All heavy atoms as atom14 arrays in JSON, in Angstrom:
{
  "sequence": "KAGTSQKMVLNMLTTGAMTRLGYVYGNLMVNVHP",
  "atom14_mask": [
    [1, 1, 1, 1, 1, 1, 1, 1, 1, 0, 0, 0, 0, 0],
    [1, 1, 1, 1, 1, 0, 0, 0, 0, 0, 0, 0, 0, 0],
    [1, 1, 1, 1, 0, 0, 0, 0, 0, 0, 0, 0, 0, 0],
    [1, 1, 1, 1, 1, 1, 1, 0, 0, 0, 0, 0, 0, 0],
    [1, 1, 1, 1, 1, 1, 0, 0, 0, 0, 0, 0, 0, 0],
    [1, 1, 1, 1, 1, 1, 1, 1, 1, 0, 0, 0, 0, 0],
    [1, 1, 1, 1, 1, 1, 1, 1, 1, 0, 0, 0, 0, 0],
    [1, 1, 1, 1, 1, 1, 1, 1, 0, 0, 0, 0, 0, 0],
    [1, 1, 1, 1, 1, 1, 1, 0, 0, 0, 0, 0, 0, 0],
    [1, 1, 1, 1, 1, 1, 1, 1, 0, 0, 0, 0, 0, 0],
    [1, 1, 1, 1, 1, 1, 1, 1, 0, 0, 0, 0, 0, 0],
    [1, 1, 1, 1, 1, 1, 1, 1, 0, 0, 0, 0, 0, 0],
    [1, 1, 1, 1, 1, 1, 1, 1, 0, 0, 0, 0, 0, 0],
    [1, 1, 1, 1, 1, 1, 1, 0, 0, 0, 0, 0, 0, 0],
    [1, 1, 1, 1, 1, 1, 1, 0, 0, 0, 0, 0, 0, 0],
    [1, 1, 1, 1, 0, 0, 0, 0, 0, 0, 0, 0, 0, 0],
    [1, 1, 1, 1, 1, 0, 0, 0, 0, 0, 0, 0, 0, 0],
    [1, 1, 1, 1, 1, 1, 1, 1, 0, 0, 0, 0, 0, 0],
    [1, 1, 1, 1, 1, 1, 1, 0, 0, 0, 0, 0, 0, 0],
    [1, 1, 1, 1, 1, 1, 1, 1, 1, 1, 1, 0, 0, 0],
    [1, 1, 1, 1, 1, 1, 1, 1, 0, 0, 0, 0, 0, 0],
    [1, 1, 1, 1, 0, 0, 0, 0, 0, 0, 0, 0, 0, 0],
    [1, 1, 1, 1, 1, 1, 1, 1, 1, 1, 1, 1, 0, 0],
    [1, 1, 1, 1, 1, 1, 1, 0, 0, 0, 0, 0, 0, 0],
    [1, 1, 1, 1, 1, 1, 1, 1, 1, 1, 1, 1, 0, 0],
    [1, 1, 1, 1, 0, 0, 0, 0, 0, 0, 0, 0, 0, 0],
    [1, 1, 1, 1, 1, 1, 1, 1, 0, 0, 0, 0, 0, 0],
    [1, 1, 1, 1, 1, 1, 1, 1, 0, 0, 0, 0, 0, 0],
    [1, 1, 1, 1, 1, 1, 1, 1, 0, 0, 0, 0, 0, 0],
    [1, 1, 1, 1, 1, 1, 1, 0, 0, 0, 0, 0, 0, 0],
    [1, 1, 1, 1, 1, 1, 1, 1, 0, 0, 0, 0, 0, 0],
    [1, 1, 1, 1, 1, 1, 1, 0, 0, 0, 0, 0, 0, 0],
    [1, 1, 1, 1, 1, 1, 1, 1, 1, 1, 0, 0, 0, 0],
    [1, 1, 1, 1, 1, 1, 1, 0, 0, 0, 0, 0, 0, 0]
  ],
  "atom14_positions": [
    [[21.01, -83.02, 42.41], [20.27, -82.15, 43.32], [20.96, -80.8, 43.5], [20.3, -79.78, 43.54], [20.08, -82.84, 44.67], [19.12, -83.98, 44.62], [18.95, -84.6, 45.99], [18.01, -85.79, 45.91], [17.85, -86.42, 47.21], [0.0, 0.0, 0.0], [0.0, 0.0, 0.0], [0.0, 0.0, 0.0], [0.0, 0.0, 0.0], [0.0, 0.0, 0.0]],
    [[22.28, -80.81, 43.6], [23.01, -79.56, 43.76], [22.87, -78.69, 42.51], [22.71, -77.47, 42.6], [24.49, -79.83, 44.05], [0.0, 0.0, 0.0], [0.0, 0.0, 0.0], [0.0, 0.0, 0.0], [0.0, 0.0, 0.0], [0.0, 0.0, 0.0], [0.0, 0.0, 0.0], [0.0, 0.0, 0.0], [0.0, 0.0, 0.0], [0.0, 0.0, 0.0]],
    [[22.9, -79.31, 41.35], [22.74, -78.57, 40.09], [21.36, -77.97, 39.98], [21.2, -76.83, 39.52], [0.0, 0.0, 0.0], [0.0, 0.0, 0.0], [0.0, 0.0, 0.0], [0.0, 0.0, 0.0], [0.0, 0.0, 0.0], [0.0, 0.0, 0.0], [0.0, 0.0, 0.0], [0.0, 0.0, 0.0], [0.0, 0.0, 0.0], [0.0, 0.0, 0.0]],
    [[20.35, -78.71, 40.39], [18.98, -78.21, 40.36], [18.83, -77.02, 41.31], [18.22, -76.01, 40.96], [17.99, -79.33, 40.74], [18.14, -80.41, 39.82], [16.56, -78.84, 40.7], [0.0, 0.0, 0.0], [0.0, 0.0, 0.0], [0.0, 0.0, 0.0], [0.0, 0.0, 0.0], [0.0, 0.0, 0.0], [0.0, 0.0, 0.0], [0.0, 0.0, 0.0]],
    [[19.39, -77.14, 42.49], [19.32, -76.05, 43.46], [20.02, -74.8, 42.94], [19.53, -73.69, 43.07], [19.97, -76.47, 44.79], [19.28, -77.55, 45.34], [0.0, 0.0, 0.0], [0.0, 0.0, 0.0], [0.0, 0.0, 0.0], [0.0, 0.0, 0.0], [0.0, 0.0, 0.0], [0.0, 0.0, 0.0], [0.0, 0.0, 0.0], [0.0, 0.0, 0.0]],
    [[21.19, -75.02, 42.34], [21.94, -73.9, 41.79], [21.15, -73.21, 40.69], [21.06, -71.99, 40.64], [23.28, -74.38, 41.25], [24.15, -73.28, 40.7], [25.47, -73.79, 40.17], [25.64, -74.97, 39.89], [26.42, -72.89, 40.01], [0.0, 0.0, 0.0], [0.0, 0.0, 0.0], [0.0, 0.0, 0.0], [0.0, 0.0, 0.0], [0.0, 0.0, 0.0]],
    [[20.52, -73.99, 39.83], [19.73, -73.42, 38.74], [18.54, -72.62, 39.29], [18.23, -71.53, 38.79], [19.23, -74.53, 37.82], [18.42, -74.01, 36.65], [17.99, -75.09, 35.71], [17.17, -74.47, 34.6], [16.67, -75.44, 33.67], [0.0, 0.0, 0.0], [0.0, 0.0, 0.0], [0.0, 0.0, 0.0], [0.0, 0.0, 0.0], [0.0, 0.0, 0.0]],
    [[17.89, -73.14, 40.32], [16.76, -72.42, 40.91], [17.2, -71.08, 41.5], [16.53, -70.06, 41.31], [16.1, -73.28, 41.99], [15.28, -74.43, 41.45], [14.61, -75.5, 42.74], [13.74, -74.34, 43.74], [0.0, 0.0, 0.0], [0.0, 0.0, 0.0], [0.0, 0.0, 0.0], [0.0, 0.0, 0.0], [0.0, 0.0, 0.0], [0.0, 0.0, 0.0]],
    [[18.33, -71.07, 42.18], [18.83, -69.83, 42.78], [19.2, -68.83, 41.7], [18.85, -67.64, 41.78], [20.02, -70.12, 43.71], [20.71, -68.83, 44.13], [19.56, -70.9, 44.93], [0.0, 0.0, 0.0], [0.0, 0.0, 0.0], [0.0, 0.0, 0.0], [0.0, 0.0, 0.0], [0.0, 0.0, 0.0], [0.0, 0.0, 0.0], [0.0, 0.0, 0.0]],
    [[19.88, -69.29, 40.66], [20.26, -68.38, 39.56], [19.03, -67.84, 38.85], [19.0, -66.66, 38.47], [21.2, -69.08, 38.59], [22.6, -69.36, 39.13], [23.39, -70.21, 38.14], [23.33, -68.07, 39.44], [0.0, 0.0, 0.0], [0.0, 0.0, 0.0], [0.0, 0.0, 0.0], [0.0, 0.0, 0.0], [0.0, 0.0, 0.0], [0.0, 0.0, 0.0]],
    [[18.01, -68.67, 38.65], [16.77, -68.2, 38.02], [16.1, -67.14, 38.88], [15.59, -66.14, 38.36], [15.82, -69.37, 37.79], [16.18, -70.19, 36.57], [16.94, -69.75, 35.72], [15.65, -71.39, 36.5], [0.0, 0.0, 0.0], [0.0, 0.0, 0.0], [0.0, 0.0, 0.0], [0.0, 0.0, 0.0], [0.0, 0.0, 0.0], [0.0, 0.0, 0.0]],
    [[16.09, -67.32, 40.2], [15.49, -66.33, 41.09], [16.26, -65.01, 41.02], [15.65, -63.93, 40.97], [15.45, -66.84, 42.52], [14.45, -67.94, 42.74], [14.19, -68.48, 44.45], [15.78, -68.37, 45.2], [0.0, 0.0, 0.0], [0.0, 0.0, 0.0], [0.0, 0.0, 0.0], [0.0, 0.0, 0.0], [0.0, 0.0, 0.0], [0.0, 0.0, 0.0]],
    [[17.58, -65.09, 41.0], [18.39, -63.87, 40.94], [18.17, -63.12, 39.63], [17.99, -61.9, 39.63], [19.87, -64.2, 41.1], [20.32, -64.63, 42.49], [21.76, -65.13, 42.46], [20.18, -63.47, 43.46], [0.0, 0.0, 0.0], [0.0, 0.0, 0.0], [0.0, 0.0, 0.0], [0.0, 0.0, 0.0], [0.0, 0.0, 0.0], [0.0, 0.0, 0.0]],
    [[18.2, -63.84, 38.52], [18.04, -63.16, 37.23], [16.63, -62.63, 37.07], [16.44, -61.54, 36.52], [18.41, -64.08, 36.05], [17.62, -65.26, 36.11], [19.88, -64.43, 36.06], [0.0, 0.0, 0.0], [0.0, 0.0, 0.0], [0.0, 0.0, 0.0], [0.0, 0.0, 0.0], [0.0, 0.0, 0.0], [0.0, 0.0, 0.0], [0.0, 0.0, 0.0]],
    [[15.63, -63.36, 37.54], [14.25, -62.87, 37.46], [14.1, -61.6, 38.28], [13.49, -60.62, 37.83], [13.27, -63.95, 37.95], [13.39, -65.1, 37.11], [11.84, -63.45, 37.9], [0.0, 0.0, 0.0], [0.0, 0.0, 0.0], [0.0, 0.0, 0.0], [0.0, 0.0, 0.0], [0.0, 0.0, 0.0], [0.0, 0.0, 0.0], [0.0, 0.0, 0.0]],
    [[14.68, -61.58, 39.48], [14.63, -60.37, 40.31], [15.32, -59.2, 39.65], [14.82, -58.07, 39.68], [0.0, 0.0, 0.0], [0.0, 0.0, 0.0], [0.0, 0.0, 0.0], [0.0, 0.0, 0.0], [0.0, 0.0, 0.0], [0.0, 0.0, 0.0], [0.0, 0.0, 0.0], [0.0, 0.0, 0.0], [0.0, 0.0, 0.0], [0.0, 0.0, 0.0]],
    [[16.47, -59.46, 39.05], [17.21, -58.38, 38.38], [16.42, -57.83, 37.19], [16.33, -56.61, 37.01], [18.57, -58.89, 37.91], [0.0, 0.0, 0.0], [0.0, 0.0, 0.0], [0.0, 0.0, 0.0], [0.0, 0.0, 0.0], [0.0, 0.0, 0.0], [0.0, 0.0, 0.0], [0.0, 0.0, 0.0], [0.0, 0.0, 0.0], [0.0, 0.0, 0.0]],
    [[15.84, -58.72, 36.4], [15.06, -58.27, 35.23], [13.83, -57.48, 35.67], [13.45, -56.5, 35.03], [14.65, -59.47, 34.38], [15.79, -60.18, 33.73], [16.69, -59.08, 32.62], [18.25, -59.89, 32.56], [0.0, 0.0, 0.0], [0.0, 0.0, 0.0], [0.0, 0.0, 0.0], [0.0, 0.0, 0.0], [0.0, 0.0, 0.0], [0.0, 0.0, 0.0]],
    [[13.23, -57.88, 36.77], [12.06, -57.16, 37.28], [12.46, -55.77, 37.74], [11.8, -54.78, 37.43], [11.42, -57.96, 38.44], [11.05, -59.24, 37.95], [10.2, -57.25, 38.98], [0.0, 0.0, 0.0], [0.0, 0.0, 0.0], [0.0, 0.0, 0.0], [0.0, 0.0, 0.0], [0.0, 0.0, 0.0], [0.0, 0.0, 0.0], [0.0, 0.0, 0.0]],
    [[13.56, -55.67, 38.48], [14.02, -54.36, 38.97], [14.43, -53.43, 37.83], [14.28, -52.22, 37.92], [15.17, -54.53, 39.95], [14.71, -55.09, 41.28], [15.84, -55.16, 42.28], [16.38, -53.86, 42.58], [16.04, -53.11, 43.62], [15.11, -53.54, 44.44], [16.62, -51.95, 43.84], [0.0, 0.0, 0.0], [0.0, 0.0, 0.0], [0.0, 0.0, 0.0]],
    [[14.94, -54.0, 36.74], [15.33, -53.19, 35.59], [14.12, -52.74, 34.76], [14.25, -51.91, 33.88], [16.29, -53.98, 34.69], [17.69, -54.19, 35.25], [18.46, -55.19, 34.41], [18.43, -52.86, 35.31], [0.0, 0.0, 0.0], [0.0, 0.0, 0.0], [0.0, 0.0, 0.0], [0.0, 0.0, 0.0], [0.0, 0.0, 0.0], [0.0, 0.0, 0.0]],
    [[12.95, -53.32, 35.04], [11.74, -52.92, 34.32], [11.55, -53.69, 33.03], [10.82, -53.24, 32.16], [0.0, 0.0, 0.0], [0.0, 0.0, 0.0], [0.0, 0.0, 0.0], [0.0, 0.0, 0.0], [0.0, 0.0, 0.0], [0.0, 0.0, 0.0], [0.0, 0.0, 0.0], [0.0, 0.0, 0.0], [0.0, 0.0, 0.0], [0.0, 0.0, 0.0]],
    [[12.18, -54.83, 32.92], [12.07, -55.64, 31.7], [10.91, -56.62, 31.76], [10.71, -57.4, 30.84], [13.35, -56.43, 31.46], [14.57, -55.59, 31.17], [15.83, -56.15, 31.22], [14.48, -54.24, 30.84], [16.96, -55.4, 30.95], [15.6, -53.49, 30.58], [16.84, -54.08, 30.64], [17.96, -53.34, 30.37], [0.0, 0.0, 0.0], [0.0, 0.0, 0.0]],
    [[10.13, -56.58, 32.84], [9.02, -57.49, 33.04], [7.74, -56.68, 33.13], [7.69, -55.64, 33.79], [9.22, -58.32, 34.33], [8.02, -59.2, 34.61], [10.49, -59.15, 34.23], [0.0, 0.0, 0.0], [0.0, 0.0, 0.0], [0.0, 0.0, 0.0], [0.0, 0.0, 0.0], [0.0, 0.0, 0.0], [0.0, 0.0, 0.0], [0.0, 0.0, 0.0]],
    [[6.71, -57.16, 32.47], [5.39, -56.53, 32.56], [4.41, -57.65, 32.86], [4.25, -58.57, 32.06], [5.02, -55.8, 31.27], [3.72, -55.06, 31.38], [3.65, -53.84, 32.02], [2.56, -55.6, 30.85], [2.46, -53.16, 32.14], [1.35, -54.92, 30.97], [1.31, -53.71, 31.61], [0.12, -53.04, 31.73], [0.0, 0.0, 0.0], [0.0, 0.0, 0.0]],
    [[3.78, -57.58, 34.01], [2.94, -58.7, 34.45], [3.84, -59.9, 34.67], [4.84, -59.81, 35.39], [0.0, 0.0, 0.0], [0.0, 0.0, 0.0], [0.0, 0.0, 0.0], [0.0, 0.0, 0.0], [0.0, 0.0, 0.0], [0.0, 0.0, 0.0], [0.0, 0.0, 0.0], [0.0, 0.0, 0.0], [0.0, 0.0, 0.0], [0.0, 0.0, 0.0]],
    [[3.54, -61.0, 34.03], [4.4, -62.17, 34.14], [5.15, -62.42, 32.83], [5.57, -63.54, 32.55], [3.59, -63.4, 34.53], [2.58, -63.79, 33.47], [2.23, -62.99, 32.61], [2.09, -65.0, 33.53], [0.0, 0.0, 0.0], [0.0, 0.0, 0.0], [0.0, 0.0, 0.0], [0.0, 0.0, 0.0], [0.0, 0.0, 0.0], [0.0, 0.0, 0.0]],
    [[5.32, -61.38, 32.04], [5.96, -61.5, 30.72], [7.28, -60.75, 30.67], [7.37, -59.6, 31.1], [5.03, -60.94, 29.64], [3.67, -61.6, 29.51], [2.76, -60.75, 28.63], [3.82, -62.99, 28.93], [0.0, 0.0, 0.0], [0.0, 0.0, 0.0], [0.0, 0.0, 0.0], [0.0, 0.0, 0.0], [0.0, 0.0, 0.0], [0.0, 0.0, 0.0]],
    [[8.29, -61.39, 30.11], [9.57, -60.73, 29.86], [9.4, -59.94, 28.56], [9.3, -60.53, 27.48], [10.68, -61.77, 29.72], [12.02, -61.18, 29.43], [12.73, -60.25, 30.78], [13.09, -61.56, 31.91], [0.0, 0.0, 0.0], [0.0, 0.0, 0.0], [0.0, 0.0, 0.0], [0.0, 0.0, 0.0], [0.0, 0.0, 0.0], [0.0, 0.0, 0.0]],
    [[9.35, -58.63, 28.66], [9.05, -57.8, 27.49], [10.29, -57.24, 26.81], [10.18, -56.58, 25.78], [8.08, -56.65, 27.84], [6.73, -57.2, 28.25], [8.65, -55.75, 28.9], [0.0, 0.0, 0.0], [0.0, 0.0, 0.0], [0.0, 0.0, 0.0], [0.0, 0.0, 0.0], [0.0, 0.0, 0.0], [0.0, 0.0, 0.0], [0.0, 0.0, 0.0]],
    [[11.45, -57.51, 27.35], [12.68, -56.99, 26.74], [13.24, -58.01, 25.75], [14.39, -58.4, 25.82], [13.7, -56.63, 27.82], [14.75, -55.7, 27.29], [14.47, -54.88, 26.43], [15.96, -55.82, 27.78], [0.0, 0.0, 0.0], [0.0, 0.0, 0.0], [0.0, 0.0, 0.0], [0.0, 0.0, 0.0], [0.0, 0.0, 0.0], [0.0, 0.0, 0.0]],
    [[12.4, -58.44, 24.83], [12.78, -59.39, 23.79], [13.37, -58.61, 22.62], [12.8, -57.59, 22.21], [11.55, -60.19, 23.31], [11.9, -61.13, 22.19], [10.91, -60.92, 24.46], [0.0, 0.0, 0.0], [0.0, 0.0, 0.0], [0.0, 0.0, 0.0], [0.0, 0.0, 0.0], [0.0, 0.0, 0.0], [0.0, 0.0, 0.0], [0.0, 0.0, 0.0]],
    [[14.49, -59.05, 22.11], [15.09, -58.43, 20.93], [14.86, -59.35, 19.74], [15.61, -60.3, 19.53], [16.59, -58.19, 21.15], [16.88, -57.29, 22.29], [16.71, -55.93, 22.23], [17.27, -57.54, 23.56], [17.01, -55.39, 23.39], [17.35, -56.35, 24.22], [0.0, 0.0, 0.0], [0.0, 0.0, 0.0], [0.0, 0.0, 0.0], [0.0, 0.0, 0.0]],
    [[13.8, -59.08, 18.95], [13.42, -60.0, 17.88], [14.39, -59.95, 16.7], [14.23, -59.18, 15.77], [12.02, -59.53, 17.49], [11.95, -58.12, 17.93], [12.87, -57.97, 19.09], [0.0, 0.0, 0.0], [0.0, 0.0, 0.0], [0.0, 0.0, 0.0], [0.0, 0.0, 0.0], [0.0, 0.0, 0.0], [0.0, 0.0, 0.0], [0.0, 0.0, 0.0]]
  ]
}
């Protein structure tokens, strides 16, 4: 349970950071390096 909670918090932080950096368009992560 602690690991799941930690993963959820880290996912929220990274998603927020990527959104603020402008790497998200709609619900898509567009900063993919193919």
